[in-house]
Amino acid sequence: MRVRVLALLALAAAPAAALAGCGVGPGPSPGGVRLLVTRDFGRHPLKGGDRAVAPRGADTVLRLLERNHRVTTRYGGGFVQAIDGVSGGQPGGRPHDWFFYVNGSEGAKGSAGVRVNGSDVVWWDFHDWGAAMDVPAVVGAFPEPFRHGLQGKRLPVILECTANESQACSTAADRLAAVGVIASQATYPSPVSSDSLRILVGPWTDLRGDFAARPLEKGPQASGVFARPAADGRTVALLDQRGRMVRTLGPGTGLVAAARFHDQDPTWLVTGTDDAGVRRAAQALTEQALRGRFAVAVGAGATVPLPVLTGSP
C-alpha cells in the first residue's frame, strides 16, 4: 500500500525489472486466499503472481506477501518498497509504487495492520500514480466483494436498476447468481444503506448524479477511474495511465467501474452511453472479463482494460 506521506518520501529512482506476460491468466482453482501480484494496472503478473495460498492464524496482508515473494520494506516495515526486485521510485520520471487491494477495495491502512480472511482476494499492483493518487476500488477481484464481503464481513448486495433497464438488470442478476451471489433488486435511486454493496445499472445520464458516480466526469484524480463519461452521456473518453485521453467511444459503449464516496463501501457502476452500452456492461460481469482489471470499457467487439497503457512519456 502507498500511504500518501510515505509515498512522497519514497521517490528515489530505481529501474523496474522487465517482466513477461500479458495479464492475469486463468489462475488457481477456488479455495483459500487468492494472492495476485502484478504491475501496470494488472496487465503483467510477476512470476508466481496469481496463486491460491493458505492463510496462517492471524495473518496480515504483509505477512502473506512475505511468505510468497521477496519483499523489501521501509519506514520500520510499514511501507512495501519492492517485491521480487520491482522497486518503487520514479522510473521514466514518473512516480511508481506498490498498492494493495483486498476484495477490490484499496487498503485504508498499512498492510501490516490488515488481517487476511479465509476467502479474500489480496492484490498487489505496481503502477504509475501520477494521475491518480487514490484508486479507491477496482473490479478485478470479481466476484468479490459481493461473495464474501469486506474485512471478513458479508454484506447485503443491492442491484439498483433504472426503470428502463429490465434486460440489463436481469443479465446482471444472472451473472451474480452464476457466481453464488443473490442480490436484492431495487429501482434506482433507492435509499442508501451504509451496510450494503450497491451495483448501479443504467445509462450514464441517469446515474451521473449519484454521489459515487459524479467524480468520474472530473477524471481519475477525483474518481480513480481512467474513463471520463461526457455529461450528456453520448461518449466515454478512455484515458491512459497519465490521465490523457487516448480515444473516445460513442454509441453502444459500456463501462464497468468501481468507485467510492468518502468512507462508504465501494459502489459498482454498470453503465453506458445508451441501452445497448448498458447491456454490454451487464454482460461483462464475469470473472473472465474482469479478472485483474481496474475497470473496463465494453464496445461492440471488445473489452478494453483501463487505463489504456501507452508507451509515450
C-alpha atoms as a PDB file:
ATOM      1  CA  MET A   1       0.000   0.000   0.000  1.00  0.00           C
ATOM      2  CA  ARG A   2       1.093   3.534  -0.698  1.00  0.00           C
ATOM      3  CA  VAL A   3       0.436   5.753   2.267  1.00  0.00           C
ATOM      4  CA  ARG A   4       0.415   9.329   0.942  1.00  0.00           C
ATOM      5  CA  VAL A   5       3.075  10.803   3.176  1.00  0.00           C
ATOM      6  CA  LEU A   6       5.378   7.834   2.790  1.00  0.00           C
ATOM      7  CA  ALA A   7       4.873   7.737  -0.951  1.00  0.00           C
ATOM      8  CA  LEU A   8       6.067  11.290  -1.282  1.00  0.00           C
ATOM      9  CA  LEU A   9       9.202  10.348   0.607  1.00  0.00           C
ATOM     10  CA  ALA A  10       9.870   7.184  -1.382  1.00  0.00           C
ATOM     11  CA  LEU A  11      10.728   8.736  -4.736  1.00  0.00           C
ATOM     12  CA  ALA A  12      14.316   7.577  -5.185  1.00  0.00           C
ATOM     13  CA  ALA A  13      14.592   6.409  -8.775  1.00  0.00           C
ATOM     14  CA  ALA A  14      15.003   2.667  -9.317  1.00  0.00           C
ATOM     15  CA  PRO A  15      14.785   0.636 -12.536  1.00  0.00           C
ATOM     16  CA  ALA A  16      11.784  -1.658 -12.802  1.00  0.00           C
ATOM     17  CA  ALA A  17      12.504  -5.272 -13.644  1.00  0.00           C
ATOM     18  CA  ALA A  18      11.374  -6.376 -17.073  1.00  0.00           C
ATOM     19  CA  LEU A  19       8.554  -8.887 -16.821  1.00  0.00           C
ATOM     20  CA  ALA A  20       6.936 -11.133 -19.360  1.00  0.00           C
ATOM     21  CA  GLY A  21       3.224 -11.810 -19.606  1.00  0.00           C
ATOM     22  CA  CYS A  22       0.057 -10.257 -20.987  1.00  0.00           C
ATOM     23  CA  GLY A  23      -2.217 -10.048 -17.939  1.00  0.00           C
ATOM     24  CA  VAL A  24      -3.539 -12.277 -15.220  1.00  0.00           C
ATOM     25  CA  GLY A  25      -4.292 -15.738 -16.524  1.00  0.00           C
ATOM     26  CA  PRO A  26      -6.869 -18.342 -15.518  1.00  0.00           C
ATOM     27  CA  GLY A  27      -5.348 -18.550 -12.057  1.00  0.00           C
ATOM     28  CA  PRO A  28      -5.589 -21.179  -9.342  1.00  0.00           C
ATOM     29  CA  SER A  29      -8.606 -23.242  -8.502  1.00  0.00           C
ATOM     30  CA  PRO A  30     -11.037 -21.828  -5.930  1.00  0.00           C
ATOM     31  CA  GLY A  31     -10.253 -22.228  -2.249  1.00  0.00           C
ATOM     32  CA  GLY A  32      -8.221 -20.332   0.282  1.00  0.00           C
ATOM     33  CA  VAL A  33      -6.850 -16.854  -0.268  1.00  0.00           C
ATOM     34  CA  ARG A  34      -6.041 -15.736  -3.797  1.00  0.00           C
ATOM     35  CA  LEU A  35      -2.848 -13.692  -3.989  1.00  0.00           C
ATOM     36  CA  LEU A  36      -2.247 -11.554  -7.066  1.00  0.00           C
ATOM     37  CA  VAL A  37       0.992  -9.642  -7.614  1.00  0.00           C
ATOM     38  CA  THR A  38       1.025  -7.607 -10.812  1.00  0.00           C
ATOM     39  CA  ARG A  39       2.312  -4.432 -12.350  1.00  0.00           C
ATOM     40  CA  ASP A  40       0.943  -1.820 -14.751  1.00  0.00           C
ATOM     41  CA  PHE A  41      -2.664  -1.849 -13.525  1.00  0.00           C
ATOM     42  CA  GLY A  42      -2.899  -5.632 -13.581  1.00  0.00           C
ATOM     43  CA  ARG A  43      -1.509  -6.131 -17.067  1.00  0.00           C
ATOM     44  CA  HIS A  44       1.654  -8.038 -16.130  1.00  0.00           C
ATOM     45  CA  PRO A  45       1.764 -10.619 -13.337  1.00  0.00           C
ATOM     46  CA  LEU A  46       5.056 -11.276 -11.611  1.00  0.00           C
ATOM     47  CA  LYS A  47       6.299 -14.853 -11.688  1.00  0.00           C
ATOM     48  CA  GLY A  48       4.042 -16.812  -9.363  1.00  0.00           C
ATOM     49  CA  GLY A  49       1.855 -13.732  -9.098  1.00  0.00           C
ATOM     50  CA  ASP A  50      -1.517 -15.490  -9.256  1.00  0.00           C
ATOM     51  CA  ARG A  51      -1.887 -18.312  -6.791  1.00  0.00           C
ATOM     52  CA  ALA A  52      -4.079 -19.825  -4.115  1.00  0.00           C
ATOM     53  CA  VAL A  53      -2.438 -19.717  -0.704  1.00  0.00           C
ATOM     54  CA  ALA A  54      -3.476 -20.882   2.735  1.00  0.00           C
ATOM     55  CA  PRO A  55      -3.520 -18.177   5.422  1.00  0.00           C
ATOM     56  CA  ARG A  56      -1.934 -18.916   8.787  1.00  0.00           C
ATOM     57  CA  GLY A  57      -3.551 -17.880  12.038  1.00  0.00           C
ATOM     58  CA  ALA A  58      -3.650 -14.123  12.411  1.00  0.00           C
ATOM     59  CA  ASP A  59      -2.094 -13.476   9.016  1.00  0.00           C
ATOM     60  CA  THR A  60      -1.802  -9.923   7.756  1.00  0.00           C
ATOM     61  CA  VAL A  61      -1.626  -8.794   4.148  1.00  0.00           C
ATOM     62  CA  LEU A  62       2.088  -8.122   4.578  1.00  0.00           C
ATOM     63  CA  ARG A  63       2.906 -11.493   6.178  1.00  0.00           C
ATOM     64  CA  LEU A  64       1.047 -13.317   3.432  1.00  0.00           C
ATOM     65  CA  LEU A  65       3.051 -11.442   0.811  1.00  0.00           C
ATOM     66  CA  GLU A  66       6.378 -12.036   2.560  1.00  0.00           C
ATOM     67  CA  ARG A  67       5.812 -15.814   2.674  1.00  0.00           C
ATOM     68  CA  ASN A  68       5.297 -15.971  -1.070  1.00  0.00           C
ATOM     69  CA  HIS A  69       7.544 -13.245  -2.532  1.00  0.00           C
ATOM     70  CA  ARG A  70      10.787 -11.415  -1.791  1.00  0.00           C
ATOM     71  CA  VAL A  71       9.786  -8.190  -0.087  1.00  0.00           C
ATOM     72  CA  THR A  72      11.740  -5.099   0.897  1.00  0.00           C
ATOM     73  CA  THR A  73      10.118  -2.687   3.326  1.00  0.00           C
ATOM     74  CA  ARG A  74      10.926   0.816   4.580  1.00  0.00           C
ATOM     75  CA  TYR A  75       9.898   3.091   7.419  1.00  0.00           C
ATOM     76  CA  GLY A  76      10.015   0.424  10.108  1.00  0.00           C
ATOM     77  CA  GLY A  77       8.388  -2.245   7.960  1.00  0.00           C
ATOM     78  CA  GLY A  78       5.202  -0.275   7.364  1.00  0.00           C
ATOM     79  CA  PHE A  79       5.773   0.516   3.679  1.00  0.00           C
ATOM     80  CA  VAL A  80       6.427  -2.033   0.914  1.00  0.00           C
ATOM     81  CA  GLN A  81       9.235  -0.657  -1.233  1.00  0.00           C
ATOM     82  CA  ALA A  82       9.947  -3.627  -3.508  1.00  0.00           C
ATOM     83  CA  ILE A  83       8.524  -7.025  -4.420  1.00  0.00           C
ATOM     84  CA  ASP A  84      10.751  -9.514  -6.222  1.00  0.00           C
ATOM     85  CA  GLY A  85      13.116  -6.685  -7.136  1.00  0.00           C
ATOM     86  CA  VAL A  86      10.466  -4.359  -8.587  1.00  0.00           C
ATOM     87  CA  SER A  87      11.003  -1.195  -6.583  1.00  0.00           C
ATOM     88  CA  GLY A  88       9.066   1.996  -6.056  1.00  0.00           C
ATOM     89  CA  GLY A  89      10.588   5.233  -7.262  1.00  0.00           C
ATOM     90  CA  GLN A  90      10.489   7.285 -10.439  1.00  0.00           C
ATOM     91  CA  PRO A  91      11.216   5.050 -13.429  1.00  0.00           C
ATOM     92  CA  GLY A  92      10.979   7.193 -16.537  1.00  0.00           C
ATOM     93  CA  GLY A  93      10.486  10.246 -14.347  1.00  0.00           C
ATOM     94  CA  ARG A  94       7.050   9.082 -13.231  1.00  0.00           C
ATOM     95  CA  PRO A  95       6.088   8.168  -9.629  1.00  0.00           C
ATOM     96  CA  HIS A  96       5.556   4.418  -9.168  1.00  0.00           C
ATOM     97  CA  ASP A  97       4.765   2.439  -6.025  1.00  0.00           C
ATOM     98  CA  TRP A  98       3.122  -0.714  -4.767  1.00  0.00           C
ATOM     99  CA  PHE A  99      -0.568  -0.606  -3.793  1.00  0.00           C
ATOM    100  CA  PHE A 100      -2.760  -3.318  -2.330  1.00  0.00           C
ATOM    101  CA  TYR A 101      -6.442  -4.161  -2.552  1.00  0.00           C
ATOM    102  CA  VAL A 102      -8.456  -6.674  -0.555  1.00  0.00           C
ATOM    103  CA  ASN A 103     -11.570  -7.914  -2.333  1.00  0.00           C
ATOM    104  CA  GLY A 104     -11.288  -4.957  -4.685  1.00  0.00           C
ATOM    105  CA  SER A 105     -11.061  -2.252  -2.032  1.00  0.00           C
ATOM    106  CA  GLU A 106      -7.888  -0.212  -1.533  1.00  0.00           C
ATOM    107  CA  GLY A 107      -6.253  -0.726   1.847  1.00  0.00           C
ATOM    108  CA  ALA A 108      -7.215   2.061   4.248  1.00  0.00           C
ATOM    109  CA  LYS A 109      -4.156   1.450   6.431  1.00  0.00           C
ATOM    110  CA  GLY A 110      -0.753  -0.200   6.219  1.00  0.00           C
ATOM    111  CA  SER A 111      -0.563  -3.799   5.037  1.00  0.00           C
ATOM    112  CA  ALA A 112       0.960  -4.891   8.362  1.00  0.00           C
ATOM    113  CA  GLY A 113      -2.268  -3.866  10.067  1.00  0.00           C
ATOM    114  CA  VAL A 114      -4.809  -5.524   7.775  1.00  0.00           C
ATOM    115  CA  ARG A 115      -5.961  -9.037   8.656  1.00  0.00           C
ATOM    116  CA  VAL A 116      -6.492 -11.654   5.984  1.00  0.00           C
ATOM    117  CA  ASN A 117      -9.695 -13.680   5.992  1.00  0.00           C
ATOM    118  CA  GLY A 118     -10.023 -17.158   4.557  1.00  0.00           C
ATOM    119  CA  SER A 119     -11.570 -16.339   1.176  1.00  0.00           C
ATOM    120  CA  ASP A 120     -10.039 -12.941   0.452  1.00  0.00           C
ATOM    121  CA  VAL A 121      -8.555 -11.845  -2.851  1.00  0.00           C
ATOM    122  CA  VAL A 122      -5.381  -9.959  -1.923  1.00  0.00           C
ATOM    123  CA  TRP A 123      -3.981  -7.999  -4.844  1.00  0.00           C
ATOM    124  CA  TRP A 124      -0.729  -6.033  -5.005  1.00  0.00           C
ATOM    125  CA  ASP A 125      -0.130  -3.874  -8.063  1.00  0.00           C
ATOM    126  CA  PHE A 126       2.835  -1.692  -9.017  1.00  0.00           C
ATOM    127  CA  HIS A 127       1.853   1.294 -11.130  1.00  0.00           C
ATOM    128  CA  ASP A 128       2.194   4.956 -12.026  1.00  0.00           C
ATOM    129  CA  TRP A 129       0.174   7.032  -9.551  1.00  0.00           C
ATOM    130  CA  GLY A 130       0.879  10.462 -11.010  1.00  0.00           C
ATOM    131  CA  ALA A 131      -2.626  10.799 -12.488  1.00  0.00           C
ATOM    132  CA  ALA A 132      -4.479   9.271  -9.545  1.00  0.00           C
ATOM    133  CA  MET A 133      -3.108   9.355  -6.029  1.00  0.00           C
ATOM    134  CA  ASP A 134      -6.010   7.141  -4.973  1.00  0.00           C
ATOM    135  CA  VAL A 135      -7.809   4.358  -6.790  1.00  0.00           C
ATOM    136  CA  PRO A 136     -10.276   3.518  -4.028  1.00  0.00           C
ATOM    137  CA  ALA A 137     -11.852   0.455  -5.650  1.00  0.00           C
ATOM    138  CA  VAL A 138     -11.289  -1.865  -8.609  1.00  0.00           C
ATOM    139  CA  VAL A 139     -13.346  -4.540 -10.370  1.00  0.00           C
ATOM    140  CA  GLY A 140     -10.588  -7.129 -10.845  1.00  0.00           C
ATOM    141  CA  ALA A 141     -11.392  -9.249  -7.787  1.00  0.00           C
ATOM    142  CA  PHE A 142     -14.874 -10.159  -9.089  1.00  0.00           C
ATOM    143  CA  PRO A 143     -16.972 -11.899  -7.739  1.00  0.00           C
ATOM    144  CA  GLU A 144     -15.564 -10.176  -4.679  1.00  0.00           C
ATOM    145  CA  PRO A 145     -16.550  -8.191  -2.716  1.00  0.00           C
ATOM    146  CA  PHE A 146     -20.063  -9.479  -3.376  1.00  0.00           C
ATOM    147  CA  ARG A 147     -19.447 -13.103  -2.451  1.00  0.00           C
ATOM    148  CA  HIS A 148     -17.539 -12.735   0.837  1.00  0.00           C
ATOM    149  CA  GLY A 149     -17.793  -9.047   1.675  1.00  0.00           C
ATOM    150  CA  LEU A 150     -15.157  -6.788   3.173  1.00  0.00           C
ATOM    151  CA  GLN A 151     -12.943  -7.169   6.254  1.00  0.00           C
ATOM    152  CA  GLY A 152     -14.425 -10.592   6.959  1.00  0.00           C
ATOM    153  CA  LYS A 153     -17.998  -9.282   6.992  1.00  0.00           C
ATOM    154  CA  ARG A 154     -20.547 -10.361   4.418  1.00  0.00           C
ATOM    155  CA  LEU A 155     -22.718  -7.501   3.237  1.00  0.00           C
ATOM    156  CA  PRO A 156     -26.106  -7.398   1.509  1.00  0.00           C
ATOM    157  CA  VAL A 157     -25.836  -6.765  -2.226  1.00  0.00           C
ATOM    158  CA  ILE A 158     -28.352  -4.369  -3.780  1.00  0.00           C
ATOM    159  CA  LEU A 159     -28.796  -4.241  -7.529  1.00  0.00           C
ATOM    160  CA  GLU A 160     -30.215  -0.794  -8.275  1.00  0.00           C
ATOM    161  CA  CYS A 161     -31.504  -0.536 -11.829  1.00  0.00           C
ATOM    162  CA  THR A 162     -33.032   2.394 -13.656  1.00  0.00           C
ATOM    163  CA  ALA A 163     -36.632   1.861 -14.699  1.00  0.00           C
ATOM    164  CA  ASN A 164     -35.913   1.276 -18.401  1.00  0.00           C
ATOM    165  CA  GLU A 165     -33.114  -1.287 -17.964  1.00  0.00           C
ATOM    166  CA  SER A 166     -35.018  -4.504 -17.212  1.00  0.00           C
ATOM    167  CA  GLN A 167     -32.962  -6.569 -19.686  1.00  0.00           C
ATOM    168  CA  ALA A 168     -29.603  -5.330 -18.390  1.00  0.00           C
ATOM    169  CA  CYS A 169     -30.815  -5.741 -14.815  1.00  0.00           C
ATOM    170  CA  SER A 170     -31.824  -9.349 -15.453  1.00  0.00           C
ATOM    171  CA  THR A 171     -28.468 -10.036 -17.088  1.00  0.00           C
ATOM    172  CA  ALA A 172     -26.610  -8.529 -14.130  1.00  0.00           C
ATOM    173  CA  ALA A 173     -28.686 -10.568 -11.670  1.00  0.00           C
ATOM    174  CA  ASP A 174     -27.978 -13.746 -13.661  1.00  0.00           C
ATOM    175  CA  ARG A 175     -24.233 -13.019 -13.770  1.00  0.00           C
ATOM    176  CA  LEU A 176     -24.175 -12.548  -9.995  1.00  0.00           C
ATOM    177  CA  ALA A 177     -26.249 -15.673  -9.351  1.00  0.00           C
ATOM    178  CA  ALA A 178     -23.843 -17.687 -11.510  1.00  0.00           C
ATOM    179  CA  VAL A 179     -21.064 -16.955  -9.011  1.00  0.00           C
ATOM    180  CA  GLY A 180     -23.193 -17.580  -5.930  1.00  0.00           C
ATOM    181  CA  VAL A 181     -24.335 -14.019  -5.227  1.00  0.00           C
ATOM    182  CA  ILE A 182     -28.026 -13.328  -4.709  1.00  0.00           C
ATOM    183  CA  ALA A 183     -28.747  -9.620  -4.913  1.00  0.00           C
ATOM    184  CA  SER A 184     -31.812  -7.737  -3.794  1.00  0.00           C
ATOM    185  CA  GLN A 185     -33.253  -5.627  -6.597  1.00  0.00           C
ATOM    186  CA  ALA A 186     -34.459  -2.058  -6.320  1.00  0.00           C
ATOM    187  CA  THR A 187     -35.316   0.779  -8.663  1.00  0.00           C
ATOM    188  CA  TYR A 188     -32.632   3.443  -8.849  1.00  0.00           C
ATOM    189  CA  PRO A 189     -32.404   5.672  -6.908  1.00  0.00           C
ATOM    190  CA  SER A 190     -33.189   3.915  -3.653  1.00  0.00           C
ATOM    191  CA  PRO A 191     -32.234   4.825  -0.072  1.00  0.00           C
ATOM    192  CA  VAL A 192     -28.510   4.262   0.538  1.00  0.00           C
ATOM    193  CA  SER A 193     -27.567   1.854   3.317  1.00  0.00           C
ATOM    194  CA  SER A 194     -24.172   2.124   4.967  1.00  0.00           C
ATOM    195  CA  ASP A 195     -24.053  -1.656   5.391  1.00  0.00           C
ATOM    196  CA  SER A 196     -24.600  -2.814   1.820  1.00  0.00           C
ATOM    197  CA  LEU A 197     -22.806  -3.080  -1.500  1.00  0.00           C
ATOM    198  CA  ARG A 198     -24.513  -1.236  -4.349  1.00  0.00           C
ATOM    199  CA  ILE A 199     -24.402  -2.111  -8.044  1.00  0.00           C
ATOM    200  CA  LEU A 200     -25.964   0.647 -10.154  1.00  0.00           C
ATOM    201  CA  VAL A 201     -27.253  -0.371 -13.580  1.00  0.00           C
ATOM    202  CA  GLY A 202     -28.325   2.267 -16.063  1.00  0.00           C
ATOM    203  CA  PRO A 203     -27.226   4.783 -18.700  1.00  0.00           C
ATOM    204  CA  TRP A 204     -24.763   7.432 -17.598  1.00  0.00           C
ATOM    205  CA  THR A 205     -27.294  10.234 -17.907  1.00  0.00           C
ATOM    206  CA  ASP A 206     -29.377   8.537 -15.189  1.00  0.00           C
ATOM    207  CA  LEU A 207     -26.518   7.612 -12.859  1.00  0.00           C
ATOM    208  CA  ARG A 208     -24.266  10.670 -13.122  1.00  0.00           C
ATOM    209  CA  GLY A 209     -25.946  12.454 -10.226  1.00  0.00           C
ATOM    210  CA  ASP A 210     -25.100   9.692  -7.761  1.00  0.00           C
ATOM    211  CA  PHE A 211     -22.518  10.746  -5.167  1.00  0.00           C
ATOM    212  CA  ALA A 212     -20.255   7.798  -6.046  1.00  0.00           C
ATOM    213  CA  ALA A 213     -20.600   8.285  -9.824  1.00  0.00           C
ATOM    214  CA  ARG A 214     -20.282  12.057 -10.032  1.00  0.00           C
ATOM    215  CA  PRO A 215     -16.444  12.260  -9.756  1.00  0.00           C
ATOM    216  CA  LEU A 216     -15.933  10.219 -12.961  1.00  0.00           C
ATOM    217  CA  GLU A 217     -16.624  13.293 -15.090  1.00  0.00           C
ATOM    218  CA  LYS A 218     -13.703  15.065 -13.369  1.00  0.00           C
ATOM    219  CA  GLY A 219     -11.128  12.419 -14.300  1.00  0.00           C
ATOM    220  CA  PRO A 220      -9.023   9.842 -12.420  1.00  0.00           C
ATOM    221  CA  GLN A 221      -7.531  12.259  -9.881  1.00  0.00           C
ATOM    222  CA  ALA A 222     -11.054  12.681  -8.487  1.00  0.00           C
ATOM    223  CA  SER A 223     -12.511   9.214  -9.118  1.00  0.00           C
ATOM    224  CA  GLY A 224      -9.639   6.748  -9.550  1.00  0.00           C
ATOM    225  CA  VAL A 225     -11.314   5.581 -12.787  1.00  0.00           C
ATOM    226  CA  PHE A 226      -9.445   6.045 -16.078  1.00  0.00           C
ATOM    227  CA  ALA A 227     -12.559   6.778 -18.123  1.00  0.00           C
ATOM    228  CA  ARG A 228     -14.430  10.043 -18.342  1.00  0.00           C
ATOM    229  CA  PRO A 229     -18.072   9.915 -19.482  1.00  0.00           C
ATOM    230  CA  ALA A 230     -19.396  13.057 -21.114  1.00  0.00           C
ATOM    231  CA  ALA A 231     -22.051  14.936 -19.165  1.00  0.00           C
ATOM    232  CA  ASP A 232     -24.555  14.338 -21.973  1.00  0.00           C
ATOM    233  CA  GLY A 233     -23.812  10.604 -21.809  1.00  0.00           C
ATOM    234  CA  ARG A 234     -23.112  10.264 -25.527  1.00  0.00           C
ATOM    235  CA  THR A 235     -19.418   9.397 -25.310  1.00  0.00           C
ATOM    236  CA  VAL A 236     -16.851   7.879 -22.958  1.00  0.00           C
ATOM    237  CA  ALA A 237     -13.248   9.079 -23.140  1.00  0.00           C
ATOM    238  CA  LEU A 238     -10.697   6.322 -22.468  1.00  0.00           C
ATOM    239  CA  LEU A 239      -7.604   7.565 -20.648  1.00  0.00           C
ATOM    240  CA  ASP A 240      -4.046   6.328 -20.356  1.00  0.00           C
ATOM    241  CA  GLN A 241      -2.014   5.834 -17.178  1.00  0.00           C
ATOM    242  CA  ARG A 242      -1.174   9.551 -17.136  1.00  0.00           C
ATOM    243  CA  GLY A 243      -4.795  10.610 -17.404  1.00  0.00           C
ATOM    244  CA  ARG A 244      -4.539  11.635 -21.055  1.00  0.00           C
ATOM    245  CA  MET A 245      -7.344  10.893 -23.493  1.00  0.00           C
ATOM    246  CA  VAL A 246      -6.404   8.106 -25.887  1.00  0.00           C
ATOM    247  CA  ARG A 247      -9.691   7.741 -27.732  1.00  0.00           C
ATOM    248  CA  THR A 248     -13.382   8.408 -27.384  1.00  0.00           C
ATOM    249  CA  LEU A 249     -16.079   5.769 -27.819  1.00  0.00           C
ATOM    250  CA  GLY A 250     -19.635   6.648 -28.793  1.00  0.00           C
ATOM    251  CA  PRO A 251     -22.990   4.849 -29.048  1.00  0.00           C
ATOM    252  CA  GLY A 252     -23.116   1.294 -27.745  1.00  0.00           C
ATOM    253  CA  THR A 253     -20.273   1.767 -25.264  1.00  0.00           C
ATOM    254  CA  GLY A 254     -20.491   0.153 -21.839  1.00  0.00           C
ATOM    255  CA  LEU A 255     -18.416   0.787 -18.717  1.00  0.00           C
ATOM    256  CA  VAL A 256     -17.873  -1.340 -15.621  1.00  0.00           C
ATOM    257  CA  ALA A 257     -16.088   0.501 -12.834  1.00  0.00           C
ATOM    258  CA  ALA A 258     -15.982   0.721  -9.059  1.00  0.00           C
ATOM    259  CA  ALA A 259     -15.999   3.982  -7.131  1.00  0.00           C
ATOM    260  CA  ARG A 260     -16.222   5.066  -3.537  1.00  0.00           C
ATOM    261  CA  PHE A 261     -17.782   8.125  -1.966  1.00  0.00           C
ATOM    262  CA  HIS A 262     -15.672   9.213   1.006  1.00  0.00           C
ATOM    263  CA  ASP A 263     -15.544   6.342   3.526  1.00  0.00           C
ATOM    264  CA  GLN A 264     -18.541   4.425   2.192  1.00  0.00           C
ATOM    265  CA  ASP A 265     -18.169   0.908   0.833  1.00  0.00           C
ATOM    266  CA  PRO A 266     -17.480   0.674  -2.914  1.00  0.00           C
ATOM    267  CA  THR A 267     -20.286   1.273  -5.396  1.00  0.00           C
ATOM    268  CA  TRP A 268     -20.092  -0.517  -8.727  1.00  0.00           C
ATOM    269  CA  LEU A 269     -21.266   1.210 -11.892  1.00  0.00           C
ATOM    270  CA  VAL A 270     -22.643  -0.878 -14.767  1.00  0.00           C
ATOM    271  CA  THR A 271     -23.356   1.902 -17.176  1.00  0.00           C
ATOM    272  CA  GLY A 272     -23.045   3.086 -20.741  1.00  0.00           C
ATOM    273  CA  THR A 273     -23.813   5.667 -23.371  1.00  0.00           C
ATOM    274  CA  ASP A 274     -27.232   4.117 -24.119  1.00  0.00           C
ATOM    275  CA  ASP A 275     -29.301   0.976 -23.570  1.00  0.00           C
ATOM    276  CA  ALA A 276     -27.040  -1.103 -25.827  1.00  0.00           C
ATOM    277  CA  GLY A 277     -23.977   0.017 -23.876  1.00  0.00           C
ATOM    278  CA  VAL A 278     -25.588  -0.787 -20.535  1.00  0.00           C
ATOM    279  CA  ARG A 279     -26.491  -4.270 -21.765  1.00  0.00           C
ATOM    280  CA  ARG A 280     -22.901  -4.855 -22.876  1.00  0.00           C
ATOM    281  CA  ALA A 281     -21.627  -3.706 -19.487  1.00  0.00           C
ATOM    282  CA  ALA A 282     -24.002  -6.106 -17.717  1.00  0.00           C
ATOM    283  CA  GLN A 283     -22.825  -8.972 -19.906  1.00  0.00           C
ATOM    284  CA  ALA A 284     -19.240  -8.214 -18.837  1.00  0.00           C
ATOM    285  CA  LEU A 285     -19.972  -9.066 -15.197  1.00  0.00           C
ATOM    286  CA  THR A 286     -17.918 -12.250 -15.363  1.00  0.00           C
ATOM    287  CA  GLU A 287     -14.666 -13.304 -13.789  1.00  0.00           C
ATOM    288  CA  GLN A 288     -13.162 -13.875 -17.223  1.00  0.00           C
ATOM    289  CA  ALA A 289     -13.856 -10.318 -18.380  1.00  0.00           C
ATOM    290  CA  LEU A 290     -12.949  -8.527 -15.148  1.00  0.00           C
ATOM    291  CA  ARG A 291     -10.179 -10.564 -13.573  1.00  0.00           C
ATOM    292  CA  GLY A 292      -7.130  -8.440 -12.837  1.00  0.00           C
ATOM    293  CA  ARG A 293      -8.683  -5.259 -14.269  1.00  0.00           C
ATOM    294  CA  PHE A 294      -9.060  -1.886 -12.611  1.00  0.00           C
ATOM    295  CA  ALA A 295     -12.072  -1.044 -14.813  1.00  0.00           C
ATOM    296  CA  VAL A 296     -13.221  -1.958 -18.324  1.00  0.00           C
ATOM    297  CA  ALA A 297     -14.929  -0.294 -21.257  1.00  0.00           C
ATOM    298  CA  VAL A 298     -17.023  -2.557 -23.475  1.00  0.00           C
ATOM    299  CA  GLY A 299     -17.562  -1.933 -27.171  1.00  0.00           C
ATOM    300  CA  ALA A 300     -19.239  -3.847 -29.966  1.00  0.00           C
ATOM    301  CA  GLY A 301     -16.477  -6.428 -30.286  1.00  0.00           C
ATOM    302  CA  ALA A 302     -14.003  -5.964 -27.462  1.00  0.00           C
ATOM    303  CA  THR A 303     -13.490  -5.336 -23.778  1.00  0.00           C
ATOM    304  CA  VAL A 304     -10.860  -2.650 -23.178  1.00  0.00           C
ATOM    305  CA  PRO A 305      -8.931  -2.714 -19.868  1.00  0.00           C
ATOM    306  CA  LEU A 306      -8.498   0.680 -18.244  1.00  0.00           C
ATOM    307  CA  PRO A 307      -6.312   2.636 -18.183  1.00  0.00           C
ATOM    308  CA  VAL A 308      -5.225   2.207 -21.788  1.00  0.00           C
ATOM    309  CA  LEU A 309      -1.473   1.714 -21.477  1.00  0.00           C
ATOM    310  CA  THR A 310       0.681   3.870 -23.707  1.00  0.00           C
ATOM    311  CA  GLY A 311       4.460   3.973 -24.029  1.00  0.00           C
ATOM    312  CA  SER A 312       4.870   7.663 -24.745  1.00  0.00           C
ATOM    313  CA  PRO A 313       6.144   9.981 -21.978  1.00  0.00           C
END
